[in-house]
N, C-alpha and C. Protein backbone atom coordinates (compact mmCIF):
# COMPACT_ATOMS: atom_id res chain seq x y z
N MET A 1 30.91 12.73 -30.51
CA MET A 1 30.06 13.80 -29.73
C MET A 1 29.29 13.04 -28.88
N ALA A 2 29.06 13.18 -27.53
CA ALA A 2 28.32 12.54 -26.70
C ALA A 2 26.89 13.23 -26.68
N VAL A 3 26.07 12.29 -26.64
CA VAL A 3 24.46 12.74 -26.56
C VAL A 3 24.08 13.07 -24.95
N ASP A 4 23.79 14.12 -24.78
CA ASP A 4 23.22 14.34 -23.39
C ASP A 4 21.75 14.27 -23.15
N ARG A 5 21.76 12.72 -22.73
CA ARG A 5 20.52 11.96 -22.44
C ARG A 5 19.39 13.08 -21.71
N VAL A 6 20.09 13.56 -20.68
CA VAL A 6 19.16 14.39 -19.79
C VAL A 6 18.43 15.69 -20.52
N ALA A 7 19.38 16.27 -21.49
CA ALA A 7 18.90 17.38 -22.31
C ALA A 7 17.95 16.51 -23.39
N THR A 8 18.05 15.53 -23.77
CA THR A 8 17.19 15.10 -24.66
C THR A 8 15.95 14.87 -24.15
N PHE A 9 15.78 14.11 -23.00
CA PHE A 9 14.77 14.00 -22.48
C PHE A 9 13.81 15.22 -22.07
N ARG A 10 14.59 16.30 -21.63
CA ARG A 10 13.52 17.57 -21.45
C ARG A 10 13.33 18.04 -22.59
N THR A 11 14.25 17.98 -23.59
CA THR A 11 13.40 18.37 -24.79
C THR A 11 12.04 17.74 -25.20
N PHE A 12 12.10 16.36 -25.11
CA PHE A 12 11.01 15.43 -25.33
C PHE A 12 9.93 15.93 -24.33
N ILE A 13 9.92 16.42 -23.33
CA ILE A 13 9.37 16.42 -22.43
C ILE A 13 8.44 18.05 -23.00
N ALA A 14 9.22 18.77 -23.18
CA ALA A 14 8.94 20.15 -23.33
C ALA A 14 8.00 20.15 -25.08
N ARG A 15 8.34 19.20 -25.74
CA ARG A 15 7.79 19.09 -27.08
C ARG A 15 6.39 18.27 -26.83
N ASN A 16 6.13 17.56 -25.85
CA ASN A 16 5.22 16.67 -25.60
C ASN A 16 4.81 16.49 -24.06
N PRO A 17 4.28 17.59 -23.27
CA PRO A 17 4.04 17.43 -22.05
C PRO A 17 3.02 16.68 -21.58
N GLY A 18 2.10 15.99 -22.62
CA GLY A 18 1.00 15.03 -22.00
C GLY A 18 1.65 13.70 -22.34
N ASP A 19 2.83 13.49 -22.31
CA ASP A 19 3.38 11.99 -22.73
C ASP A 19 3.98 11.66 -21.37
N PRO A 20 3.83 10.56 -20.48
CA PRO A 20 4.43 10.40 -19.22
C PRO A 20 5.89 9.78 -19.70
N PHE A 21 5.90 8.93 -20.82
CA PHE A 21 7.12 8.39 -20.94
C PHE A 21 8.26 9.43 -20.89
N PRO A 22 8.61 10.32 -21.48
CA PRO A 22 9.96 11.04 -21.35
C PRO A 22 10.10 11.25 -20.10
N ARG A 23 9.18 11.79 -19.37
CA ARG A 23 9.45 12.06 -18.19
C ARG A 23 10.03 10.94 -17.16
N TYR A 24 9.38 9.52 -17.39
CA TYR A 24 9.73 8.49 -16.64
C TYR A 24 11.46 8.29 -17.35
N GLY A 25 11.56 8.37 -18.42
CA GLY A 25 12.97 8.21 -19.06
C GLY A 25 14.21 9.17 -18.62
N LEU A 26 13.57 10.53 -18.37
CA LEU A 26 14.38 11.35 -17.63
C LEU A 26 14.65 10.70 -16.11
N ALA A 27 13.84 10.70 -15.27
CA ALA A 27 14.08 9.85 -14.02
C ALA A 27 14.69 8.69 -13.95
N MET A 28 14.63 7.89 -15.03
CA MET A 28 15.42 6.52 -14.98
C MET A 28 16.97 6.92 -15.41
N GLU A 29 17.11 7.96 -16.20
CA GLU A 29 18.65 8.30 -16.85
C GLU A 29 19.08 9.13 -15.46
N LEU A 30 18.31 9.75 -14.62
CA LEU A 30 19.07 10.35 -13.28
C LEU A 30 19.33 9.25 -12.66
N ARG A 31 18.48 8.41 -12.18
CA ARG A 31 18.62 7.22 -11.52
C ARG A 31 20.04 6.39 -11.86
N ALA A 32 20.36 6.26 -13.35
CA ALA A 32 21.30 5.44 -13.81
C ALA A 32 22.57 6.25 -13.71
N ARG A 33 22.69 7.43 -13.50
CA ARG A 33 23.80 8.42 -13.21
C ARG A 33 24.26 8.41 -11.77
N GLY A 34 23.29 7.79 -10.98
CA GLY A 34 23.49 7.83 -9.56
C GLY A 34 22.94 9.11 -8.65
N ASP A 35 22.39 10.15 -9.54
CA ASP A 35 21.89 11.29 -9.05
C ASP A 35 20.45 10.91 -8.41
N LEU A 36 20.25 10.41 -7.26
CA LEU A 36 19.11 9.85 -6.66
C LEU A 36 18.17 10.87 -6.21
N ALA A 37 18.77 12.02 -6.05
CA ALA A 37 18.00 13.17 -5.25
C ALA A 37 17.14 13.72 -6.48
N ALA A 38 18.08 14.00 -7.64
CA ALA A 38 17.35 14.30 -9.00
C ALA A 38 16.30 13.30 -9.42
N ALA A 39 16.65 12.26 -9.26
CA ALA A 39 15.56 11.20 -9.80
C ALA A 39 14.42 11.21 -9.03
N ALA A 40 14.59 11.38 -7.59
CA ALA A 40 13.10 11.46 -6.77
C ALA A 40 12.50 12.41 -7.31
N ALA A 41 13.02 13.64 -7.48
CA ALA A 41 12.30 14.79 -7.71
C ALA A 41 11.70 14.60 -9.07
N ALA A 42 12.37 13.80 -10.22
CA ALA A 42 11.86 13.86 -11.64
C ALA A 42 10.36 12.72 -11.30
N PHE A 43 10.83 11.83 -10.48
CA PHE A 43 9.59 10.89 -10.34
C PHE A 43 8.61 11.59 -9.35
N ASP A 44 8.81 12.49 -8.50
CA ASP A 44 7.73 13.03 -8.01
C ASP A 44 7.02 13.70 -8.84
N GLU A 45 7.71 14.66 -9.67
CA GLU A 45 6.85 15.43 -10.96
C GLU A 45 6.20 14.36 -11.71
N LEU A 46 6.58 13.48 -12.11
CA LEU A 46 6.05 12.42 -12.97
C LEU A 46 4.55 12.03 -12.38
N ILE A 47 4.76 11.56 -10.98
CA ILE A 47 3.58 11.01 -10.53
C ILE A 47 2.42 12.33 -10.15
N ALA A 48 3.00 13.47 -9.85
CA ALA A 48 2.09 14.58 -9.74
C ALA A 48 1.08 14.81 -11.20
N ALA A 49 1.93 14.66 -12.22
CA ALA A 49 1.34 14.97 -13.37
C ALA A 49 0.57 13.67 -14.03
N PHE A 50 1.00 12.72 -13.83
CA PHE A 50 0.50 11.33 -14.25
C PHE A 50 0.18 10.23 -13.11
N PRO A 51 -0.71 10.58 -12.29
CA PRO A 51 -0.73 9.40 -11.02
C PRO A 51 -0.92 8.32 -11.45
N ASP A 52 -1.79 7.77 -12.79
CA ASP A 52 -2.00 6.60 -13.22
C ASP A 52 -1.13 5.93 -13.89
N TYR A 53 0.33 6.41 -14.09
CA TYR A 53 1.53 5.83 -14.83
C TYR A 53 2.17 4.99 -14.01
N VAL A 54 1.72 3.80 -13.85
CA VAL A 54 2.05 2.55 -13.11
C VAL A 54 3.54 2.20 -12.72
N PRO A 55 4.25 2.22 -14.19
CA PRO A 55 5.80 1.87 -13.85
C PRO A 55 6.60 2.97 -13.12
N SER A 56 6.04 4.20 -12.69
CA SER A 56 6.72 5.02 -11.92
C SER A 56 6.98 4.72 -10.73
N TYR A 57 5.94 3.77 -9.95
CA TYR A 57 5.78 3.64 -8.43
C TYR A 57 6.86 2.73 -8.10
N LEU A 58 7.25 1.56 -8.62
CA LEU A 58 8.17 0.82 -8.24
C LEU A 58 9.68 1.26 -8.52
N MET A 59 10.01 1.84 -9.81
CA MET A 59 11.35 2.73 -9.63
C MET A 59 11.26 3.84 -8.48
N SER A 60 10.43 4.46 -8.43
CA SER A 60 10.59 5.67 -7.47
C SER A 60 10.67 5.24 -6.09
N GLY A 61 9.76 4.22 -5.95
CA GLY A 61 10.08 3.55 -4.57
C GLY A 61 11.44 3.14 -4.26
N GLY A 62 12.02 2.41 -5.07
CA GLY A 62 13.38 2.22 -5.05
C GLY A 62 14.21 3.18 -4.81
N VAL A 63 14.34 4.32 -5.65
CA VAL A 63 14.97 5.44 -5.37
C VAL A 63 14.93 6.26 -4.19
N LEU A 64 13.71 6.22 -3.71
CA LEU A 64 13.49 6.82 -2.20
C LEU A 64 14.00 6.00 -1.06
N ALA A 65 13.98 4.51 -1.31
CA ALA A 65 14.76 3.53 -0.53
C ALA A 65 16.15 3.81 -0.46
N GLY A 66 16.80 4.08 -1.63
CA GLY A 66 18.19 4.12 -1.93
C GLY A 66 18.64 5.55 -1.17
N LEU A 67 17.76 6.67 -1.16
CA LEU A 67 17.96 7.88 -0.46
C LEU A 67 17.80 7.66 1.02
N GLY A 68 17.59 6.51 1.66
CA GLY A 68 17.21 6.23 2.95
C GLY A 68 15.99 6.62 3.62
N ARG A 69 14.99 7.07 2.79
CA ARG A 69 13.66 7.45 2.79
C ARG A 69 12.66 6.38 3.05
N ARG A 70 12.97 5.60 3.81
CA ARG A 70 12.14 4.24 4.09
C ARG A 70 10.44 4.40 4.12
N GLU A 71 10.16 5.29 4.79
CA GLU A 71 8.67 5.56 5.09
C GLU A 71 8.05 6.11 3.63
N ASP A 72 8.97 6.88 3.22
CA ASP A 72 8.23 7.32 1.78
C ASP A 72 8.17 6.54 0.82
N SER A 73 9.23 5.58 0.85
CA SER A 73 9.33 4.29 -0.19
C SER A 73 8.15 3.42 0.10
N VAL A 74 7.94 3.13 1.28
CA VAL A 74 6.85 2.14 1.77
C VAL A 74 5.38 2.93 1.08
N ALA A 75 5.27 4.07 1.47
CA ALA A 75 4.00 4.84 1.11
C ALA A 75 3.76 4.88 -0.45
N ARG A 76 5.13 4.90 -1.13
CA ARG A 76 5.07 5.00 -2.73
C ARG A 76 4.89 3.65 -3.05
N TYR A 77 5.28 2.69 -2.73
CA TYR A 77 4.77 1.39 -2.75
C TYR A 77 3.40 0.94 -2.60
N ARG A 78 2.81 1.41 -1.81
CA ARG A 78 1.44 1.08 -1.19
C ARG A 78 0.51 1.86 -2.22
N ARG A 79 0.80 3.19 -2.52
CA ARG A 79 0.21 3.84 -3.59
C ARG A 79 0.20 3.16 -4.92
N GLY A 80 1.27 2.71 -5.24
CA GLY A 80 1.42 2.08 -6.60
C GLY A 80 0.67 0.58 -6.69
N ILE A 81 0.61 -0.04 -5.55
CA ILE A 81 -0.10 -1.20 -5.36
C ILE A 81 -1.66 -0.83 -5.79
N GLU A 82 -2.33 0.26 -4.94
CA GLU A 82 -3.74 0.93 -5.27
C GLU A 82 -3.75 1.08 -6.70
N VAL A 83 -2.91 1.79 -7.25
CA VAL A 83 -2.84 2.38 -8.79
C VAL A 83 -3.26 0.94 -9.61
N ALA A 84 -2.16 0.17 -9.50
CA ALA A 84 -2.21 -1.08 -10.46
C ALA A 84 -3.10 -2.00 -10.19
N ALA A 85 -3.76 -1.99 -8.98
CA ALA A 85 -4.91 -2.80 -8.88
C ALA A 85 -6.18 -2.29 -9.62
N ALA A 86 -6.36 -0.77 -9.25
CA ALA A 86 -7.42 -0.13 -10.29
C ALA A 86 -7.32 -0.29 -11.59
N LYS A 87 -6.08 -0.47 -12.17
CA LYS A 87 -5.78 -0.49 -13.59
C LYS A 87 -5.88 -1.84 -14.06
N GLY A 88 -5.86 -2.95 -13.08
CA GLY A 88 -5.93 -4.21 -13.60
C GLY A 88 -4.53 -4.69 -13.99
N ASP A 89 -3.60 -4.00 -13.46
CA ASP A 89 -2.15 -4.41 -14.02
C ASP A 89 -1.59 -5.50 -12.79
N HIS A 90 -1.82 -6.56 -12.85
CA HIS A 90 -1.63 -7.71 -11.77
C HIS A 90 -0.16 -8.09 -11.58
N HIS A 91 0.61 -8.01 -12.71
CA HIS A 91 1.99 -8.04 -12.93
C HIS A 91 2.84 -6.93 -12.07
N ALA A 92 2.54 -5.89 -12.20
CA ALA A 92 3.02 -4.61 -11.47
C ALA A 92 2.59 -4.81 -9.95
N LYS A 93 1.30 -4.99 -9.81
CA LYS A 93 0.88 -5.03 -8.55
C LYS A 93 1.63 -6.21 -7.69
N GLY A 94 1.95 -7.26 -8.12
CA GLY A 94 2.73 -8.52 -7.64
C GLY A 94 4.37 -7.84 -7.47
N GLU A 95 4.74 -7.21 -8.26
CA GLU A 95 6.13 -6.70 -8.23
C GLU A 95 6.01 -5.60 -7.08
N LEU A 96 5.03 -4.70 -7.02
CA LEU A 96 4.97 -3.74 -6.12
C LEU A 96 4.87 -4.29 -4.57
N GLU A 97 4.13 -5.50 -4.57
CA GLU A 97 3.97 -6.12 -3.20
C GLU A 97 5.11 -6.71 -2.74
N ALA A 98 6.04 -7.38 -3.72
CA ALA A 98 7.31 -7.86 -3.13
C ALA A 98 8.35 -6.78 -2.89
N ALA A 99 8.13 -5.68 -3.61
CA ALA A 99 9.02 -4.72 -3.08
C ALA A 99 8.63 -4.06 -1.60
N LEU A 100 7.32 -4.02 -1.55
CA LEU A 100 6.85 -3.50 -0.23
C LEU A 100 7.22 -4.43 0.99
N ALA A 101 7.00 -5.70 0.78
CA ALA A 101 7.44 -6.76 1.68
C ALA A 101 8.80 -6.63 2.16
N GLU A 102 9.89 -6.33 0.86
CA GLU A 102 11.15 -6.16 1.35
C GLU A 102 11.20 -4.95 2.00
N ALA A 103 10.78 -4.06 1.73
CA ALA A 103 10.96 -2.74 2.42
C ALA A 103 10.59 -2.63 3.75
N LEU A 104 9.68 -3.66 4.20
CA LEU A 104 9.09 -3.98 5.41
C LEU A 104 9.80 -4.80 6.23
N GLY A 105 10.63 -5.47 5.47
CA GLY A 105 11.76 -6.28 6.17
C GLY A 105 10.96 -8.03 6.43
N ASP A 106 9.71 -7.99 5.44
CA ASP A 106 9.10 -9.26 5.45
C ASP A 106 9.42 -10.26 4.23
N GLY A 107 10.49 -9.64 3.26
CA GLY A 107 10.67 -10.26 1.99
C GLY A 107 12.25 -11.01 2.05
């Protein structure tokens, strides 16, 4: 019997709406399935609910780029850099800066 990972993540979200990780897992599962529009929407919901959840910015920027939404992707990377810097997450900040440079054609 195949496990429906999307349904499982949605159950986890309903059970613990204050935890950003299941929302991130849902967005990543949708991305892995190639449903970039649904993944982008899931990342948007995650960031709206948990704007300080640093991991969401890099992956969501990539999804937006995959959808051809370059300006949105650049804005997401820039916001992620701000959030990562504010949280002292230098590793994530560096990854986001590299993704931004690539999105701008500087990488």
